[in-house]
N, C-alpha and C. Protein backbone atom coordinates (compact mmCIF):
# COMPACT_ATOMS: atom_id res chain seq x y z
N MET A 1 105.59 54.01 25.62
CA MET A 1 106.57 54.11 26.85
C MET A 1 107.65 54.46 26.59
N HIS A 2 108.47 55.33 27.69
CA HIS A 2 109.74 55.95 27.40
C HIS A 2 110.68 55.20 28.30
N ARG A 3 110.41 54.20 28.73
CA ARG A 3 111.54 53.38 29.47
C ARG A 3 112.74 53.18 28.61
N GLY A 4 113.90 53.43 29.17
CA GLY A 4 115.03 53.19 28.46
C GLY A 4 115.63 54.06 27.38
N ALA A 5 114.69 55.23 27.28
CA ALA A 5 114.55 56.22 26.13
C ALA A 5 115.66 57.28 26.67
N ALA A 6 116.46 57.26 27.63
CA ALA A 6 117.31 58.31 28.13
C ALA A 6 118.49 57.49 29.09
N TYR A 7 119.55 58.40 29.32
CA TYR A 7 120.60 57.82 30.22
C TYR A 7 120.15 56.92 31.30
N ARG A 8 120.90 56.04 31.56
CA ARG A 8 120.54 55.31 32.53
C ARG A 8 122.09 54.62 33.41
N LEU A 9 121.96 54.37 34.74
CA LEU A 9 123.15 53.82 35.40
C LEU A 9 123.11 52.22 35.01
N THR A 10 124.13 51.72 34.54
CA THR A 10 124.15 50.51 34.13
C THR A 10 125.38 49.87 34.68
N PRO A 11 125.24 48.58 35.22
CA PRO A 11 126.45 47.92 35.89
C PRO A 11 127.63 47.94 34.73
N ALA A 12 128.73 48.23 35.39
CA ALA A 12 129.97 48.08 34.63
C ALA A 12 130.88 47.07 35.28
N PRO A 13 131.93 46.39 34.72
CA PRO A 13 132.86 45.70 35.56
C PRO A 13 133.51 46.35 36.32
N GLY A 14 133.68 45.73 37.35
CA GLY A 14 134.59 46.52 38.52
C GLY A 14 135.92 45.89 38.49
N PRO A 15 136.75 46.62 39.26
CA PRO A 15 138.16 45.94 39.40
C PRO A 15 138.08 44.54 39.90
N SER A 16 139.12 44.08 40.70
CA SER A 16 139.22 42.50 41.01
C SER A 16 138.38 42.27 42.43
N THR A 17 137.55 43.51 42.68
CA THR A 17 136.65 43.31 44.10
C THR A 17 135.47 42.24 43.44
N GLY A 18 135.15 42.17 42.34
CA GLY A 18 133.99 41.36 41.91
C GLY A 18 132.66 42.18 41.81
N ARG A 19 132.81 43.28 42.49
CA ARG A 19 131.57 44.25 42.58
C ARG A 19 131.36 44.75 41.17
N SER A 20 130.04 45.10 40.78
CA SER A 20 129.97 45.85 39.60
C SER A 20 129.34 47.27 39.78
N PRO A 21 130.23 48.36 39.98
CA PRO A 21 129.80 49.66 39.93
C PRO A 21 128.91 50.11 38.83
N SER A 22 128.21 51.35 39.07
CA SER A 22 127.55 51.57 37.94
C SER A 22 127.90 52.77 37.27
N CYS A 23 127.77 52.92 35.83
CA CYS A 23 128.32 54.02 35.14
C CYS A 23 127.25 54.46 34.12
N PRO A 24 127.01 55.59 33.92
CA PRO A 24 126.24 56.01 33.01
C PRO A 24 126.39 55.85 31.37
N SER A 25 125.45 55.40 30.76
CA SER A 25 125.32 54.71 29.59
C SER A 25 123.99 55.14 28.66
N SER A 26 124.04 55.18 27.56
CA SER A 26 122.73 55.33 26.66
C SER A 26 122.98 54.79 25.39
N PRO A 27 122.13 53.98 25.07
CA PRO A 27 122.35 53.30 23.86
C PRO A 27 121.06 54.14 22.80
N THR A 28 120.54 54.96 23.50
CA THR A 28 119.34 55.65 22.53
C THR A 28 119.53 57.24 22.53
N TRP A 29 118.75 57.68 21.91
CA TRP A 29 118.41 59.37 21.64
C TRP A 29 120.00 59.95 21.29
N ALA A 30 120.54 59.29 20.50
CA ALA A 30 121.77 59.98 19.89
C ALA A 30 121.59 61.23 19.17
N THR A 31 122.03 62.40 19.68
CA THR A 31 121.82 63.48 18.93
C THR A 31 123.23 64.53 18.76
N ARG A 32 123.13 65.33 18.09
CA ARG A 32 124.29 66.43 18.29
C ARG A 32 123.94 67.51 19.17
N GLY A 33 125.01 67.73 20.13
CA GLY A 33 124.76 68.87 20.89
C GLY A 33 125.98 69.23 21.75
N ALA A 34 125.97 70.20 22.53
CA ALA A 34 127.03 70.54 23.41
C ALA A 34 127.57 69.13 24.23
N ALA A 35 128.90 69.36 24.26
CA ALA A 35 129.48 68.07 24.99
C ALA A 35 128.91 68.13 26.49
N TRP A 36 128.56 69.23 27.16
CA TRP A 36 128.07 68.99 28.52
C TRP A 36 126.76 68.43 28.82
N LEU A 37 125.96 68.37 27.69
CA LEU A 37 124.63 67.88 27.76
C LEU A 37 124.68 66.31 28.57
N ASP A 38 125.70 65.53 28.36
CA ASP A 38 125.65 64.39 28.95
C ASP A 38 125.89 64.35 30.47
N ALA A 39 126.57 65.17 30.97
CA ALA A 39 126.74 65.47 32.35
C ALA A 39 125.49 66.07 32.94
N GLY A 40 124.70 66.98 32.16
CA GLY A 40 123.43 67.24 32.66
C GLY A 40 122.45 66.25 32.76
N HIS A 41 122.47 65.22 31.68
CA HIS A 41 121.47 64.01 31.75
C HIS A 41 121.89 63.05 33.17
N TRP A 42 123.30 63.01 33.37
CA TRP A 42 123.69 62.19 34.67
C TRP A 42 123.08 62.92 35.75
N VAL A 43 123.27 64.28 35.78
CA VAL A 43 122.70 64.88 37.21
C VAL A 43 121.13 64.51 37.37
N ILE A 44 120.45 64.41 36.41
CA ILE A 44 119.09 63.87 36.53
C ILE A 44 119.01 62.47 37.18
N TRP A 45 119.88 61.62 36.58
CA TRP A 45 119.81 60.43 36.75
C TRP A 45 120.53 60.03 38.30
N LEU A 46 121.40 60.87 38.72
CA LEU A 46 121.95 60.72 40.00
C LEU A 46 121.07 61.10 41.02
N GLY A 47 120.14 62.23 40.80
CA GLY A 47 119.03 62.67 41.51
C GLY A 47 117.83 61.65 41.58
N ALA A 48 117.51 60.87 40.59
CA ALA A 48 116.63 59.79 40.68
C ALA A 48 117.22 58.76 41.52
N ALA A 49 118.44 58.54 41.60
CA ALA A 49 119.00 57.45 42.34
C ALA A 49 119.18 57.70 43.76
N GLY A 50 118.79 59.19 44.02
CA GLY A 50 118.81 59.45 45.64
C GLY A 50 119.79 60.58 45.99
N HIS A 51 120.54 60.85 45.16
CA HIS A 51 121.43 62.16 45.18
C HIS A 51 120.84 63.29 45.02
N ALA A 52 121.25 64.49 46.15
CA ALA A 52 120.82 65.72 46.11
C ALA A 52 121.43 66.33 44.96
N SER A 53 120.37 67.44 44.27
CA SER A 53 121.17 67.95 43.09
C SER A 53 122.22 68.85 43.35
N ALA A 54 122.76 69.25 44.40
CA ALA A 54 123.88 69.96 44.62
C ALA A 54 125.17 68.81 44.55
N SER A 55 124.81 67.50 45.02
CA SER A 55 125.78 66.73 45.13
C SER A 55 126.04 66.02 43.68
N ALA A 56 124.92 65.94 43.01
CA ALA A 56 124.92 65.43 41.63
C ALA A 56 125.67 66.61 40.58
N GLU A 57 125.54 67.66 40.94
CA GLU A 57 126.35 68.80 40.11
C GLU A 57 127.58 68.86 40.63
N ARG A 58 128.02 68.57 41.70
CA ARG A 58 129.45 68.53 42.08
C ARG A 58 130.01 67.45 41.29
N TRP A 59 129.28 66.39 41.11
CA TRP A 59 129.95 65.27 40.51
C TRP A 59 130.13 65.54 38.84
N ALA A 60 129.01 66.25 38.32
CA ALA A 60 129.04 66.79 36.89
C ALA A 60 130.23 67.54 36.74
N ALA A 61 130.66 68.43 37.68
CA ALA A 61 131.59 69.47 37.43
C ALA A 61 132.91 68.79 37.43
N GLY A 62 133.16 67.63 37.64
CA GLY A 62 134.32 66.73 37.21
C GLY A 62 134.61 66.54 35.65
N ILE A 63 133.40 66.73 35.04
CA ILE A 63 133.65 66.41 33.49
C ILE A 63 134.13 67.60 32.89
N PRO A 64 135.14 67.73 32.04
CA PRO A 64 135.80 68.84 31.58
C PRO A 64 134.83 69.75 30.92
N SER A 65 134.01 69.16 29.91
CA SER A 65 133.00 69.90 29.20
C SER A 65 131.96 70.58 29.93
N ARG A 66 131.77 70.13 31.14
CA ARG A 66 130.71 70.72 32.01
C ARG A 66 131.26 71.72 32.56
N ARG A 67 132.51 71.97 33.13
CA ARG A 67 133.21 72.85 33.76
C ARG A 67 133.29 74.28 32.96
N THR A 68 133.15 74.19 31.67
CA THR A 68 133.37 75.27 30.87
C THR A 68 131.61 75.56 30.19
N ALA A 69 130.93 74.94 30.83
CA ALA A 69 129.31 74.99 30.15
C ALA A 69 129.02 76.60 30.44
N PRO A 70 128.16 77.20 29.69
CA PRO A 70 127.81 78.50 30.36
C PRO A 70 126.48 78.18 31.31
N ALA A 71 126.45 78.96 32.31
CA ALA A 71 125.62 78.79 33.36
C ALA A 71 123.96 78.88 33.10
N GLU A 72 123.93 79.93 32.03
CA GLU A 72 122.54 80.16 31.57
C GLU A 72 122.22 78.97 30.87
N GLY A 73 123.05 78.40 30.09
CA GLY A 73 122.65 77.25 29.20
C GLY A 73 122.27 76.03 30.01
N VAL A 74 123.07 75.81 31.02
CA VAL A 74 122.88 74.47 32.01
C VAL A 74 121.60 74.99 32.69
N THR A 75 121.21 75.96 33.16
CA THR A 75 119.76 76.43 33.91
C THR A 75 118.95 76.16 32.74
N ALA A 76 118.96 76.50 31.53
CA ALA A 76 117.85 76.28 30.64
C ALA A 76 117.70 74.70 30.16
N PHE A 77 118.93 74.05 30.16
CA PHE A 77 118.64 72.62 30.04
C PHE A 77 118.01 72.04 31.19
N ALA A 78 118.33 72.56 32.32
CA ALA A 78 117.56 71.88 33.62
C ALA A 78 116.18 72.11 33.58
N ALA A 79 115.90 73.48 33.05
CA ALA A 79 114.14 73.77 32.75
C ALA A 79 113.58 72.96 31.92
N ALA A 80 114.21 72.75 30.61
CA ALA A 80 113.58 71.86 29.63
C ALA A 80 113.62 70.43 30.04
N SER A 81 114.48 69.96 30.72
CA SER A 81 114.77 68.59 31.21
C SER A 81 113.39 68.45 32.29
N ALA A 82 113.10 69.58 33.07
CA ALA A 82 112.09 69.20 34.06
C ALA A 82 110.81 69.21 33.31
N ASN A 83 110.61 69.99 32.16
CA ASN A 83 109.40 70.09 31.48
C ASN A 83 109.07 68.81 30.85
N VAL A 84 110.20 68.20 30.09
CA VAL A 84 110.13 66.86 29.47
C VAL A 84 109.55 65.84 30.22
N TRP A 85 110.50 65.85 31.67
CA TRP A 85 110.33 64.62 32.43
C TRP A 85 109.03 64.56 33.17
N SER A 86 108.39 66.06 33.22
CA SER A 86 107.05 66.15 33.80
C SER A 86 105.94 65.61 32.80
N GLU A 87 106.14 66.10 31.70
CA GLU A 87 105.34 65.36 30.60
C GLU A 87 105.30 64.02 30.49
N ILE A 88 106.51 63.46 30.62
CA ILE A 88 106.59 61.97 30.55
C ILE A 88 105.98 61.38 31.65
N GLY A 89 106.18 61.88 32.84
CA GLY A 89 105.59 61.41 34.18
C GLY A 89 104.27 61.45 33.99
N ASN A 90 103.61 62.58 33.53
CA ASN A 90 102.19 62.67 33.86
C ASN A 90 101.58 61.70 32.62
N ALA A 91 102.13 61.36 31.81
CA ALA A 91 101.70 60.46 30.60
C ALA A 91 101.88 58.96 30.91
N ASP A 92 102.83 58.70 31.79
CA ASP A 92 103.21 57.30 32.20
C ASP A 92 103.70 57.27 33.66
N PRO A 93 102.77 57.60 34.45
CA PRO A 93 103.08 57.92 36.02
C PRO A 93 103.58 56.59 36.79
N ASP A 94 104.44 55.76 36.16
CA ASP A 94 105.01 54.48 36.87
C ASP A 94 106.16 55.17 37.78
N PRO A 95 106.52 54.52 38.63
CA PRO A 95 107.50 54.80 39.67
C PRO A 95 108.74 55.25 39.07
N TRP A 96 109.30 54.68 38.06
CA TRP A 96 110.66 55.08 37.39
C TRP A 96 110.40 56.38 36.65
N THR A 97 109.32 56.72 36.06
CA THR A 97 109.17 58.05 35.38
C THR A 97 109.00 59.20 36.48
N VAL A 98 108.36 58.70 37.56
CA VAL A 98 108.04 59.82 38.74
C VAL A 98 109.43 60.16 39.38
N ARG A 99 110.12 59.32 39.54
CA ARG A 99 111.43 59.56 40.11
C ARG A 99 112.26 60.47 39.17
N LEU A 100 112.26 60.20 37.82
CA LEU A 100 113.02 61.03 37.06
C LEU A 100 112.55 62.32 36.79
N ALA A 101 111.17 62.45 36.92
CA ALA A 101 110.51 63.85 36.87
C ALA A 101 110.72 64.53 38.04
N THR A 102 110.56 64.01 39.18
CA THR A 102 111.08 64.63 40.55
C THR A 102 112.38 65.07 40.70
N ALA A 103 113.36 64.29 40.02
CA ALA A 103 114.72 64.72 40.04
C ALA A 103 114.96 65.73 39.19
N ALA A 104 114.51 65.61 38.00
CA ALA A 104 114.77 66.72 36.93
C ALA A 104 114.03 68.36 37.43
N THR A 105 113.01 68.15 38.03
CA THR A 105 112.03 69.26 38.80
C THR A 105 113.28 69.92 39.78
N ALA A 106 113.57 68.95 40.83
CA ALA A 106 114.52 69.29 41.84
C ALA A 106 115.90 70.01 41.35
N TRP A 107 116.43 69.41 40.27
CA TRP A 107 117.59 69.87 39.95
C TRP A 107 117.22 71.50 39.37
N HIS A 108 116.03 71.57 38.46
CA HIS A 108 115.85 73.04 37.94
C HIS A 108 115.51 74.03 39.22
N ALA A 109 114.75 73.54 40.15
CA ALA A 109 114.76 74.51 41.37
C ALA A 109 116.35 74.84 42.05
N HIS A 110 116.88 73.79 42.08
CA HIS A 110 118.36 73.96 42.55
C HIS A 110 119.15 75.06 41.72
N ARG A 111 118.83 74.98 40.25
CA ARG A 111 119.72 75.77 39.53
C ARG A 111 119.05 77.17 39.53
N ARG A 112 117.77 77.49 39.98
CA ARG A 112 116.95 78.75 39.97
C ARG A 112 117.43 79.29 41.42
N THR A 113 117.55 78.52 42.35
CA THR A 113 117.97 79.17 43.71
C THR A 113 119.28 78.87 44.22
N GLY A 114 119.93 77.91 43.68
CA GLY A 114 121.39 77.57 43.87
C GLY A 114 122.03 77.88 44.95
């Protein structure tokens, strides 16, 4: 199973409102790579949570390292992510993996046609 093996939105303590907003976090898959890769993972997670790819990319653009990322690198990462999540979704087609595979595929399509 691949559940929990990538970034997820987890509750974070909120201000005095008592609400718990979500924030991206990951206790797994620690690797070396371009700093903007985290924002790329978040685009997929935001898509899986219901955001359109364009909206998720606008959010990611607020991350300094993402603003300077090479467009062709981001598109290549979107393609690779779509492939990985498609493979995971086909091997374990539960609602969670299907949402992530769908979001990654939508993001890659958005990057190609943008």
